[in-house]
């Protein structure tokens, strides 16, 4: 996906996600922070980039907890929703529209780059990983997990009894 278009299926995703309060993401947030903390210290000086922010809960919860986090998201609808969600909690997340295959995310800029269930959507993932590698400071950490879009547990497709 090269362009930053408004995608119809994103509206339904946002509708579903809007039913979940931010507090519901805190357990996942703290589990992620704990896993990252095994490899890298997180404090107010740590610079994080999240690639594929979705609705923006990770950058919002980072800012709420005094952790610097920028976000990169390809969907303008999700960027808009993430900013709206943040404002609901008096937090202004730093989420920008961009594609990891094309966006200049800098060189030796971040201590940590994370992607949470996003890289399975990147067409030219090798280009994205190269950009991430270049954007990490020496000794930086790339933390990601990814689902299999064809897995019956990832809920990527609408099958009966799926997910």
Protein backbone atom coordinates (compact mmCIF):
# COMPACT_ATOMS: atom_id res chain seq x y z
CA UNK A 1 0.00 0.00 0.00
CA UNK A 2 1.74 3.14 -1.19
CA UNK A 3 -0.88 5.83 -0.74
CA UNK A 4 -2.46 7.20 2.38
CA UNK A 5 -6.04 6.70 1.34
CA UNK A 6 -9.20 6.46 3.38
CA UNK A 7 -10.01 2.77 3.46
CA UNK A 8 -13.62 1.62 4.02
CA UNK A 9 -12.69 -1.32 6.28
CA UNK A 10 -10.85 1.07 8.60
CA UNK A 11 -14.16 2.75 9.50
CA UNK A 12 -15.50 -0.54 10.86
CA UNK A 13 -12.23 -1.24 12.70
CA UNK A 14 -12.35 2.19 14.33
CA UNK A 15 -16.00 1.69 15.25
CA UNK A 16 -15.14 -1.60 16.97
CA UNK A 17 -12.06 -0.17 18.70
CA UNK A 18 -13.97 2.92 19.88
CA UNK A 19 -16.00 0.63 22.14
CA UNK A 20 -12.85 -0.25 24.09
CA UNK A 21 -11.73 2.31 26.70
CA UNK A 22 -8.04 3.21 26.79
CA UNK A 23 -7.74 1.55 30.20
CA UNK A 24 -8.34 -1.83 28.52
CA UNK A 25 -4.99 -1.46 26.72
CA UNK A 26 -2.98 -0.77 29.87
CA UNK A 27 -2.26 -4.44 30.65
CA UNK A 28 -0.92 -4.98 27.13
CA UNK A 29 1.06 -1.73 27.42
CA UNK A 30 2.73 -2.76 30.68
CA UNK A 31 3.46 -6.28 29.37
CA UNK A 32 5.15 -4.73 26.34
CA UNK A 33 7.11 -2.28 28.51
CA UNK A 34 8.21 -5.15 30.76
CA UNK A 35 9.41 -7.23 27.79
CA UNK A 36 11.29 -4.27 26.30
CA UNK A 37 12.74 -3.51 29.74
CA UNK A 38 14.56 -6.85 29.72
CA UNK A 39 16.73 -5.51 26.91
CA UNK A 40 16.61 -1.72 27.15
CA UNK A 41 16.08 0.79 29.93
CA UNK A 42 12.94 2.87 29.58
CA UNK A 43 12.91 6.32 31.11
CA UNK A 44 12.17 9.94 30.19
CA UNK A 45 15.29 10.05 27.96
CA UNK A 46 14.38 6.94 25.92
CA UNK A 47 13.23 7.74 22.38
CA UNK A 48 10.71 5.29 20.92
CA UNK A 49 9.09 5.07 17.50
CA UNK A 50 6.05 2.89 16.99
CA UNK A 51 5.50 1.87 13.37
CA UNK A 52 1.85 1.11 12.65
CA UNK A 53 0.15 2.75 15.62
CA UNK A 54 -3.37 1.60 14.79
CA UNK A 55 -5.69 3.57 17.06
CA UNK A 56 -2.71 5.05 18.92
CA UNK A 57 -3.02 3.46 22.34
CA UNK A 58 0.72 2.78 22.70
CA UNK A 59 1.95 6.36 22.05
CA UNK A 60 -0.89 7.70 24.21
CA UNK A 61 -0.03 5.45 27.15
CA UNK A 62 3.69 6.21 26.71
CA UNK A 63 3.02 9.94 26.99
CA UNK A 64 0.69 9.37 29.95
CA UNK A 65 3.55 7.55 31.70
CA UNK A 66 6.33 10.01 30.82
CA UNK A 67 7.90 7.96 28.01
CA UNK A 68 8.77 9.69 24.71
CA UNK A 69 7.11 7.92 21.79
CA UNK A 70 6.45 9.03 18.23
CA UNK A 71 4.13 7.11 15.96
CA UNK A 72 4.00 6.41 12.24
CA UNK A 73 0.70 5.20 10.76
CA UNK A 74 -0.28 4.79 7.10
CA UNK A 75 -4.00 5.38 7.60
CA UNK A 76 -5.12 9.02 7.95
CA UNK A 77 -8.32 7.75 9.55
CA UNK A 78 -6.36 5.96 12.28
CA UNK A 79 -4.08 8.96 12.86
CA UNK A 80 -7.13 11.19 13.26
CA UNK A 81 -8.80 8.71 15.61
CA UNK A 82 -5.60 8.28 17.66
CA UNK A 83 -5.34 12.03 18.16
CA UNK A 84 -9.03 12.22 19.09
CA UNK A 85 -8.62 9.33 21.55
CA UNK A 86 -5.62 11.04 23.13
CA UNK A 87 -7.48 14.33 23.53
CA UNK A 88 -10.28 12.45 25.30
CA UNK A 89 -7.67 11.74 28.00
CA UNK A 90 -6.00 15.19 27.77
CA UNK A 91 -3.01 13.71 25.93
CA UNK A 92 -1.73 14.92 22.55
CA UNK A 93 0.01 11.93 20.95
CA UNK A 94 2.72 12.52 18.35
CA UNK A 95 1.42 10.34 15.50
CA UNK A 96 2.21 11.17 11.89
CA UNK A 97 0.87 9.82 8.61
CA UNK A 98 3.50 7.82 6.80
CA UNK A 99 4.49 4.54 5.21
CA UNK A 100 7.56 2.75 6.61
CA UNK A 101 8.52 1.84 3.05
CA UNK A 102 8.74 5.52 2.04
CA UNK A 103 8.99 7.74 5.12
CA UNK A 104 12.25 9.26 6.27
CA UNK A 105 12.37 8.24 9.92
CA UNK A 106 15.91 9.49 10.41
CA UNK A 107 19.29 7.97 11.13
CA UNK A 108 20.49 6.93 14.59
CA UNK A 109 17.48 8.71 16.08
CA UNK A 110 15.66 6.13 18.24
CA UNK A 111 16.62 3.90 21.15
CA UNK A 112 13.70 1.58 20.43
CA UNK A 113 11.46 0.97 17.44
CA UNK A 114 8.39 -1.18 17.96
CA UNK A 115 5.77 -2.64 15.69
CA UNK A 116 2.86 -4.48 17.23
CA UNK A 117 0.95 -6.60 14.70
CA UNK A 118 1.78 -4.24 11.84
CA UNK A 119 4.58 -5.69 9.74
CA UNK A 120 2.36 -8.39 8.27
CA UNK A 121 0.68 -5.50 6.40
CA UNK A 122 3.92 -4.08 4.92
CA UNK A 123 4.25 -5.08 1.28
CA UNK A 124 8.00 -4.47 1.00
CA UNK A 125 8.89 -5.34 4.58
CA UNK A 126 12.62 -5.63 3.79
CA UNK A 127 12.68 -1.91 2.93
CA UNK A 128 10.86 -1.13 6.18
CA UNK A 129 13.28 -3.16 8.27
CA UNK A 130 16.25 -1.45 6.58
CA UNK A 131 14.75 1.98 7.43
CA UNK A 132 14.19 0.87 11.03
CA UNK A 133 17.74 -0.47 11.33
CA UNK A 134 19.11 2.85 10.09
CA UNK A 135 16.85 4.83 12.44
CA UNK A 136 18.09 2.97 15.53
CA UNK A 137 20.92 4.42 17.59
CA UNK A 138 23.91 2.10 18.12
CA UNK A 139 22.77 -0.56 20.57
CA UNK A 140 19.13 0.21 19.77
CA UNK A 141 16.32 -2.33 20.00
CA UNK A 142 13.80 -3.35 17.34
CA UNK A 143 10.88 -4.99 19.14
CA UNK A 144 8.07 -6.45 17.10
CA UNK A 145 5.53 -9.16 17.02
CA UNK A 146 3.45 -10.12 14.09
CA UNK A 147 0.45 -12.25 13.40
CA UNK A 148 -0.06 -14.50 10.42
CA UNK A 149 -2.78 -12.87 8.33
CA UNK A 150 -3.92 -16.34 7.23
CA UNK A 151 -4.14 -17.69 10.75
CA UNK A 152 -7.59 -18.55 11.96
CA UNK A 153 -6.81 -16.70 15.20
CA UNK A 154 -5.75 -13.31 13.83
CA UNK A 155 -9.25 -12.22 12.74
CA UNK A 156 -8.02 -10.78 9.43
CA UNK A 157 -10.79 -12.44 7.44
CA UNK A 158 -14.50 -12.80 8.08
CA UNK A 159 -15.05 -16.57 8.12
CA UNK A 160 -17.71 -18.36 10.14
CA UNK A 161 -16.14 -19.59 13.39
CA UNK A 162 -12.97 -17.58 12.57
CA UNK A 163 -10.92 -15.89 15.24
